[in-house]
Amino acid sequence: MNLRHLEHWLALADTGSFSRAAEKLHITQSALSRSIQALEEDLGGPLVDRVGKKNELTPLGRSVLERARRIVHEAQELQ
């Protein structure tokens, strides 16, 4: 897990869409998907339920979301 994975997670959670999050981050959708999958592997479970075009946060995803916001915010403050 790294800060970039958390930033990608925040973008996905905020937009609710892999395609919109990828566009916001200026990366490909497949790169975003790989990043989220890597984060899910590191955390030991799915962060989002992928149901067609609808993506819903799992309980783990909601838990990680708030912590990720704090971590990314702190990292930005350090810079």
Protein backbone atom coordinates (compact mmCIF):
# COMPACT_ATOMS: atom_id res chain seq x y z
CA MET A 1 0.00 0.00 0.00
CA ASN A 2 1.22 3.46 -0.79
CA LEU A 3 -0.06 7.01 -0.79
CA ARG A 4 -0.92 6.86 -4.48
CA HIS A 5 -3.20 3.87 -3.87
CA LEU A 6 -5.00 5.85 -1.19
CA GLU A 7 -5.35 8.88 -3.48
CA HIS A 8 -6.81 6.61 -6.15
CA TRP A 9 -9.23 5.15 -3.60
CA LEU A 10 -10.38 8.62 -2.57
CA ALA A 11 -11.01 9.60 -6.19
CA LEU A 12 -13.04 6.45 -6.81
CA ALA A 13 -15.06 6.88 -3.62
CA ASP A 14 -15.69 10.56 -4.36
CA THR A 15 -16.79 10.05 -7.96
CA GLY A 16 -18.45 6.64 -7.60
CA SER A 17 -17.11 5.67 -11.02
CA PHE A 18 -13.92 4.07 -12.25
CA SER A 19 -14.06 6.02 -15.51
CA ARG A 20 -14.70 9.41 -13.84
CA ALA A 21 -12.04 8.77 -11.20
CA ALA A 22 -9.49 7.79 -13.85
CA GLU A 23 -10.31 10.93 -15.81
CA LYS A 24 -9.95 13.07 -12.67
CA LEU A 25 -6.56 11.47 -11.94
CA HIS A 26 -5.38 11.64 -15.56
CA ILE A 27 -4.70 7.91 -15.70
CA THR A 28 -6.25 5.05 -17.63
CA GLN A 29 -9.19 3.17 -16.21
CA SER A 30 -7.18 -0.06 -16.26
CA ALA A 31 -4.36 1.58 -14.26
CA LEU A 32 -6.89 2.76 -11.68
CA SER A 33 -8.46 -0.68 -11.52
CA ARG A 34 -5.04 -2.30 -10.94
CA SER A 35 -4.27 0.24 -8.20
CA ILE A 36 -7.56 -0.44 -6.41
CA GLN A 37 -7.04 -4.21 -6.74
CA ALA A 38 -3.56 -3.88 -5.22
CA LEU A 39 -4.98 -1.89 -2.32
CA GLU A 40 -7.73 -4.47 -1.81
CA GLU A 41 -5.12 -7.24 -1.75
CA ASP A 42 -3.03 -5.33 0.79
CA LEU A 43 -6.08 -4.74 3.01
CA GLY A 44 -7.44 -8.25 2.65
CA GLY A 45 -10.85 -7.57 1.17
CA PRO A 46 -12.95 -5.70 -1.35
CA LEU A 47 -13.38 -1.95 -0.93
CA VAL A 48 -16.15 -1.65 -3.49
CA ASP A 49 -18.91 -3.90 -4.76
CA ARG A 50 -18.82 -3.72 -8.53
CA VAL A 51 -22.41 -4.15 -9.69
CA GLY A 52 -22.60 -3.33 -13.39
CA LYS A 53 -21.96 0.39 -13.71
CA LYS A 54 -22.86 0.98 -10.07
CA ASN A 55 -20.08 0.83 -7.49
CA GLU A 56 -21.00 0.69 -3.81
CA LEU A 57 -18.56 0.95 -0.94
CA THR A 58 -18.26 -2.13 1.23
CA PRO A 59 -18.07 -1.80 5.03
CA LEU A 60 -14.28 -2.16 4.69
CA GLY A 61 -14.29 0.48 1.97
CA ARG A 62 -16.17 2.95 4.19
CA SER A 63 -13.77 2.29 7.06
CA VAL A 64 -10.70 2.77 4.88
CA LEU A 65 -12.18 5.90 3.31
CA GLU A 66 -12.09 8.01 6.46
CA ARG A 67 -8.60 6.87 7.40
CA ALA A 68 -7.35 7.43 3.86
CA ARG A 69 -8.72 10.99 3.92
CA ARG A 70 -6.76 11.73 7.09
CA ILE A 71 -3.57 10.13 5.79
CA VAL A 72 -3.67 11.92 2.43
CA HIS A 73 -4.49 15.21 4.16
CA GLU A 74 -1.55 14.80 6.55
CA ALA A 75 0.78 13.97 3.66
CA GLN A 76 -0.35 17.10 1.81
CA GLU A 77 0.25 19.17 4.95
CA LEU A 78 3.80 17.83 5.17
CA GLN A 79 4.54 18.90 1.64
